[in-house]
Amino acid sequence: METIYKDQYNHDGEFINLEYSKQDLEELICNYNVHFDKCKKYYIYCHGGLKSYALCSILKKYNYCVVQVINRY
């Protein structure tokens, strides 16, 4: 799985901040085929990195184009 720092995001795909998402993580994981399009690239972010890792892992398994975005500490 590809991982980048938040300041490296270059706006070439949809940025999803799980901290402010209207859907909770469980909803996104259980209904990934409703919320995501295989023709798009997604950058998934959360503050701690655990939720974004979980969602990216699931989406990557089903051949979605995802990048985990993490904070630079």
C-alpha atoms as a PDB file:
ATOM      1  CA  MET A   1       0.000   0.000   0.000  1.00  0.00           C
ATOM      2  CA  GLU A   2       1.309   3.422  -0.909  1.00  0.00           C
ATOM      3  CA  THR A   3       1.708   5.895   1.946  1.00  0.00           C
ATOM      4  CA  ILE A   4       2.483   9.609   1.795  1.00  0.00           C
ATOM      5  CA  TYR A   5       2.713  12.474   4.255  1.00  0.00           C
ATOM      6  CA  LYS A   6      -0.162  14.943   4.390  1.00  0.00           C
ATOM      7  CA  ASP A   7       2.006  17.772   3.040  1.00  0.00           C
ATOM      8  CA  GLN A   8       2.824  15.649  -0.037  1.00  0.00           C
ATOM      9  CA  TYR A   9      -0.794  15.426  -1.203  1.00  0.00           C
ATOM     10  CA  ASN A  10      -0.905  17.074  -4.642  1.00  0.00           C
ATOM     11  CA  HIS A  11      -4.665  17.144  -5.340  1.00  0.00           C
ATOM     12  CA  ASP A  12      -4.606  14.468  -8.060  1.00  0.00           C
ATOM     13  CA  GLY A  13      -7.377  12.444  -6.428  1.00  0.00           C
ATOM     14  CA  GLU A  14     -10.127  12.675  -3.858  1.00  0.00           C
ATOM     15  CA  PHE A  15      -8.949  13.415  -0.309  1.00  0.00           C
ATOM     16  CA  ILE A  16     -11.051  11.739   2.379  1.00  0.00           C
ATOM     17  CA  ASN A  17     -10.514  12.885   5.944  1.00  0.00           C
ATOM     18  CA  LEU A  18     -12.000  10.180   8.152  1.00  0.00           C
ATOM     19  CA  GLU A  19     -12.019  12.570  11.106  1.00  0.00           C
ATOM     20  CA  TYR A  20     -14.690  14.685   9.373  1.00  0.00           C
ATOM     21  CA  SER A  21     -16.389  12.108   7.146  1.00  0.00           C
ATOM     22  CA  LYS A  22     -20.185  12.030   7.161  1.00  0.00           C
ATOM     23  CA  GLN A  23     -20.051   8.218   7.215  1.00  0.00           C
ATOM     24  CA  ASP A  24     -18.347   6.288   9.984  1.00  0.00           C
ATOM     25  CA  LEU A  25     -15.555   3.843   9.261  1.00  0.00           C
ATOM     26  CA  GLU A  26     -17.755   0.757   9.613  1.00  0.00           C
ATOM     27  CA  GLU A  27     -20.231   2.138   7.059  1.00  0.00           C
ATOM     28  CA  LEU A  28     -17.428   2.879   4.589  1.00  0.00           C
ATOM     29  CA  ILE A  29     -15.910  -0.585   4.997  1.00  0.00           C
ATOM     30  CA  CYS A  30     -19.194  -2.514   4.824  1.00  0.00           C
ATOM     31  CA  ASN A  31     -20.498  -0.556   1.829  1.00  0.00           C
ATOM     32  CA  TYR A  32     -17.241   0.274   0.041  1.00  0.00           C
ATOM     33  CA  ASN A  33     -18.779  -0.497  -3.368  1.00  0.00           C
ATOM     34  CA  VAL A  34     -21.403   2.220  -2.794  1.00  0.00           C
ATOM     35  CA  HIS A  35     -19.008   4.905  -1.540  1.00  0.00           C
ATOM     36  CA  PHE A  36     -16.017   4.368  -3.828  1.00  0.00           C
ATOM     37  CA  ASP A  37     -15.428   4.204  -7.590  1.00  0.00           C
ATOM     38  CA  LYS A  38     -12.657   2.044  -9.075  1.00  0.00           C
ATOM     39  CA  CYS A  39     -12.049   4.720 -11.719  1.00  0.00           C
ATOM     40  CA  LYS A  40     -10.946   7.277  -9.099  1.00  0.00           C
ATOM     41  CA  LYS A  41      -7.887   7.649  -6.903  1.00  0.00           C
ATOM     42  CA  TYR A  42      -8.464   8.175  -3.181  1.00  0.00           C
ATOM     43  CA  TYR A  43      -6.225   9.628  -0.512  1.00  0.00           C
ATOM     44  CA  ILE A  44      -7.423   8.402   2.879  1.00  0.00           C
ATOM     45  CA  TYR A  45      -6.436  10.330   6.017  1.00  0.00           C
ATOM     46  CA  CYS A  46      -7.068  10.165   9.741  1.00  0.00           C
ATOM     47  CA  HIS A  47      -5.155  11.783  12.553  1.00  0.00           C
ATOM     48  CA  GLY A  48      -3.649   8.645  14.099  1.00  0.00           C
ATOM     49  CA  GLY A  49      -3.372   6.550  10.949  1.00  0.00           C
ATOM     50  CA  LEU A  50      -5.218   3.470  12.220  1.00  0.00           C
ATOM     51  CA  LYS A  51      -8.593   4.099  10.583  1.00  0.00           C
ATOM     52  CA  SER A  52      -6.999   5.154   7.302  1.00  0.00           C
ATOM     53  CA  TYR A  53      -4.815   2.027   7.317  1.00  0.00           C
ATOM     54  CA  ALA A  54      -7.841  -0.210   7.900  1.00  0.00           C
ATOM     55  CA  LEU A  55      -9.886   1.372   5.115  1.00  0.00           C
ATOM     56  CA  CYS A  56      -6.969   1.471   2.666  1.00  0.00           C
ATOM     57  CA  SER A  57      -6.230  -2.207   3.326  1.00  0.00           C
ATOM     58  CA  ILE A  58      -9.796  -3.229   2.505  1.00  0.00           C
ATOM     59  CA  LEU A  59     -10.035  -1.041  -0.593  1.00  0.00           C
ATOM     60  CA  LYS A  60      -6.630  -2.182  -1.866  1.00  0.00           C
ATOM     61  CA  LYS A  61      -7.743  -5.812  -1.471  1.00  0.00           C
ATOM     62  CA  TYR A  62     -10.609  -5.076  -3.881  1.00  0.00           C
ATOM     63  CA  ASN A  63      -8.342  -3.283  -6.378  1.00  0.00           C
ATOM     64  CA  TYR A  64      -9.268   0.318  -5.611  1.00  0.00           C
ATOM     65  CA  CYS A  65      -6.608   2.963  -6.155  1.00  0.00           C
ATOM     66  CA  VAL A  66      -5.894   4.235  -2.638  1.00  0.00           C
ATOM     67  CA  VAL A  67      -3.087   6.020  -0.846  1.00  0.00           C
ATOM     68  CA  GLN A  68      -2.837   6.258   2.915  1.00  0.00           C
ATOM     69  CA  VAL A  69      -2.057   9.782   4.091  1.00  0.00           C
ATOM     70  CA  ILE A  70      -0.282  10.186   7.420  1.00  0.00           C
ATOM     71  CA  ASN A  71       1.002  13.054   9.549  1.00  0.00           C
ATOM     72  CA  ARG A  72       4.665  13.905   9.574  1.00  0.00           C
ATOM     73  CA  TYR A  73       5.864  13.728  13.186  1.00  0.00           C
END
